[in-house]
């Protein structure tokens, strides 16, 4: 594996762990204001981000690459409105998509077909992540200003359950 590709994946592991911290911070915000369904949604998002980091870690190990961890920055978002974390989440997912695309481009440049195939799952996953974040914003905009609608949306999000990724390495 090309050294640059390995470095980008290793860096992405750390960014995925930061994403988990960020989403846990969102969950804390929602828990503090009494929206346990929104908190649940972001708790599960955090778990998915940790899974992404672990999949990348395993991939590097399986290719004989040593993994190194950096310090994980403290999330620094300040929320003034209930919808702020939702918008920050979509923005963050778009950022992560750009990072995955950069790794893919580096692998493609090196004709690293195995890594490109590995990253195909993440490319698809990012499309789903962005759509889910956008859909949540749309639902909030439709129902969030009405207390009964907000309650119903919160209950819907409370019903979300974790499902482990099905990527074979």
Protein backbone atom coordinates (compact mmCIF):
# COMPACT_ATOMS: atom_id res chain seq x y z
CA UNK A 1 0.00 0.00 0.00
CA UNK A 2 1.23 3.45 -0.90
CA UNK A 3 2.55 5.35 2.11
CA UNK A 4 0.35 8.40 1.38
CA UNK A 5 -2.80 6.25 1.14
CA UNK A 6 -1.92 4.53 4.42
CA UNK A 7 -1.36 7.92 6.09
CA UNK A 8 -4.70 9.23 4.83
CA UNK A 9 -6.55 6.17 6.13
CA UNK A 10 -4.76 6.40 9.47
CA UNK A 11 -5.68 10.08 9.68
CA UNK A 12 -9.27 9.18 8.80
CA UNK A 13 -9.37 6.76 11.73
CA UNK A 14 -8.65 9.69 14.03
CA UNK A 15 -11.25 11.84 12.25
CA UNK A 16 -13.87 9.10 12.62
CA UNK A 17 -13.12 8.98 16.36
CA UNK A 18 -13.51 12.77 16.48
CA UNK A 19 -16.85 12.35 14.70
CA UNK A 20 -17.93 10.00 17.48
CA UNK A 21 -16.96 12.62 20.08
CA UNK A 22 -18.82 15.29 18.13
CA UNK A 23 -22.00 13.22 17.93
CA UNK A 24 -21.79 12.32 21.61
CA UNK A 25 -21.59 16.05 22.29
CA UNK A 26 -24.75 16.54 20.20
CA UNK A 27 -26.39 13.73 22.20
CA UNK A 28 -25.39 15.45 25.45
CA UNK A 29 -27.01 18.69 24.26
CA UNK A 30 -30.26 16.96 23.40
CA UNK A 31 -30.27 14.97 26.63
CA UNK A 32 -29.79 18.19 28.61
CA UNK A 33 -32.83 19.82 26.98
CA UNK A 34 -35.05 16.76 27.38
CA UNK A 35 -35.07 15.40 23.83
CA UNK A 36 -34.01 11.84 24.56
CA UNK A 37 -34.98 10.61 21.09
CA UNK A 38 -32.64 13.11 19.43
CA UNK A 39 -29.98 12.08 21.96
CA UNK A 40 -30.53 8.43 21.05
CA UNK A 41 -30.18 9.23 17.34
CA UNK A 42 -26.79 10.86 17.93
CA UNK A 43 -25.64 8.16 20.37
CA UNK A 44 -26.16 5.67 17.56
CA UNK A 45 -24.40 7.99 15.10
CA UNK A 46 -21.43 8.05 17.49
CA UNK A 47 -21.38 4.27 17.63
CA UNK A 48 -21.40 4.09 13.83
CA UNK A 49 -18.45 6.48 13.65
CA UNK A 50 -16.49 4.34 16.10
CA UNK A 51 -17.30 1.32 13.92
CA UNK A 52 -15.97 3.15 10.87
CA UNK A 53 -12.72 3.86 12.69
CA UNK A 54 -12.40 0.22 13.72
CA UNK A 55 -13.05 -1.01 10.17
CA UNK A 56 -10.30 1.25 8.86
CA UNK A 57 -7.99 0.17 11.68
CA UNK A 58 -8.56 -3.49 10.81
CA UNK A 59 -8.00 -2.76 7.13
CA UNK A 60 -4.63 -1.18 7.85
CA UNK A 61 -3.64 -4.06 10.15
CA UNK A 62 -4.66 -6.57 7.47
CA UNK A 63 -2.31 -4.76 5.09
CA UNK A 64 0.64 -4.74 7.48
CA UNK A 65 0.35 -1.06 8.36
CA UNK A 66 0.90 0.15 11.91
CA UNK A 67 -1.90 2.36 13.21
CA UNK A 68 -1.16 5.45 15.28
CA UNK A 69 -3.61 7.57 17.23
CA UNK A 70 -3.59 11.33 17.63
CA UNK A 71 -5.22 13.35 20.38
CA UNK A 72 -8.92 13.80 19.74
CA UNK A 73 -10.00 17.42 19.82
CA UNK A 74 -12.80 18.51 22.11
CA UNK A 75 -15.94 19.42 20.17
CA UNK A 76 -16.36 23.19 20.25
CA UNK A 77 -19.83 23.74 18.81
CA UNK A 78 -22.16 26.06 20.73
CA UNK A 79 -25.86 25.56 20.14
CA UNK A 80 -28.42 28.33 20.40
CA UNK A 81 -31.35 26.58 18.73
CA UNK A 82 -32.64 23.01 18.84
CA UNK A 83 -31.91 22.64 15.13
CA UNK A 84 -28.25 23.75 15.39
CA UNK A 85 -26.80 20.23 15.92
CA UNK A 86 -28.84 18.92 12.99
CA UNK A 87 -27.29 21.49 10.64
CA UNK A 88 -23.83 20.96 12.13
CA UNK A 89 -24.27 17.21 11.62
CA UNK A 90 -25.06 17.58 7.92
CA UNK A 91 -22.13 19.96 7.48
CA UNK A 92 -19.86 17.47 9.23
CA UNK A 93 -21.06 14.54 7.09
CA UNK A 94 -20.32 16.55 3.95
CA UNK A 95 -16.82 17.21 5.31
CA UNK A 96 -16.29 13.50 6.01
CA UNK A 97 -17.46 12.69 2.48
CA UNK A 98 -14.77 15.02 1.12
CA UNK A 99 -12.16 13.21 3.21
CA UNK A 100 -13.24 9.77 1.99
CA UNK A 101 -13.20 11.05 -1.58
CA UNK A 102 -9.65 12.35 -1.11
CA UNK A 103 -8.48 8.93 0.11
CA UNK A 104 -10.23 7.29 -2.83
CA UNK A 105 -8.52 9.67 -5.28
CA UNK A 106 -5.12 8.90 -3.75
CA UNK A 107 -5.77 5.15 -3.98
CA UNK A 108 -6.95 5.52 -7.58
CA UNK A 109 -3.85 7.53 -8.49
CA UNK A 110 -1.73 4.65 -7.14
CA UNK A 111 -3.87 1.95 -8.86
CA UNK A 112 -4.60 0.54 -5.39
CA UNK A 113 -7.67 -1.41 -6.42
CA UNK A 114 -7.98 -3.25 -3.10
CA UNK A 115 -8.22 0.02 -1.19
CA UNK A 116 -10.62 1.45 -3.74
CA UNK A 117 -12.84 -1.60 -3.29
CA UNK A 118 -12.63 -1.21 0.50
CA UNK A 119 -13.55 2.46 0.21
CA UNK A 120 -16.54 1.74 -2.03
CA UNK A 121 -18.51 0.81 1.11
CA UNK A 122 -17.58 4.12 2.77
CA UNK A 123 -18.53 6.11 -0.34
CA UNK A 124 -21.98 4.48 -0.29
CA UNK A 125 -22.23 4.91 3.49
CA UNK A 126 -21.47 8.63 3.23
CA UNK A 127 -24.27 9.04 0.71
CA UNK A 128 -26.62 7.44 3.25
CA UNK A 129 -25.23 9.54 6.11
CA UNK A 130 -25.77 12.79 4.22
CA UNK A 131 -29.29 11.77 3.19
CA UNK A 132 -30.20 10.77 6.76
CA UNK A 133 -28.89 14.07 8.14
CA UNK A 134 -30.74 16.04 5.46
CA UNK A 135 -33.95 14.06 6.03
CA UNK A 136 -33.76 14.76 9.76
CA UNK A 137 -33.46 18.50 9.08
CA UNK A 138 -36.45 18.36 6.75
CA UNK A 139 -38.56 16.53 9.34
CA UNK A 140 -37.53 18.99 12.02
CA UNK A 141 -38.42 21.94 9.78
CA UNK A 142 -41.83 20.39 9.09
CA UNK A 143 -42.72 19.36 12.65
CA UNK A 144 -40.25 20.91 15.08
CA UNK A 145 -42.04 24.22 15.65
CA UNK A 146 -45.19 22.40 16.82
CA UNK A 147 -44.83 20.86 20.31
CA UNK A 148 -46.88 17.79 19.34
CA UNK A 149 -44.87 17.38 16.15
CA UNK A 150 -41.59 17.74 18.03
CA UNK A 151 -42.80 15.16 20.54
CA UNK A 152 -43.72 12.73 17.73
CA UNK A 153 -40.37 13.24 15.98
CA UNK A 154 -38.55 12.74 19.27
CA UNK A 155 -40.46 9.48 19.80
CA UNK A 156 -39.60 8.34 16.28
CA UNK A 157 -35.90 8.99 16.92
CA UNK A 158 -36.11 7.19 20.26
CA UNK A 159 -37.07 4.06 18.32
CA UNK A 160 -33.86 4.02 16.29
CA UNK A 161 -31.71 0.99 17.06
CA UNK A 162 -28.07 0.31 16.38
CA UNK A 163 -27.11 -2.05 13.59
CA UNK A 164 -23.50 -3.09 13.06
CA UNK A 165 -21.94 -2.50 9.64
CA UNK A 166 -21.84 -5.47 7.27
CA UNK A 167 -18.51 -4.85 5.58
CA UNK A 168 -16.29 -7.88 5.12
CA UNK A 169 -12.59 -7.21 5.31
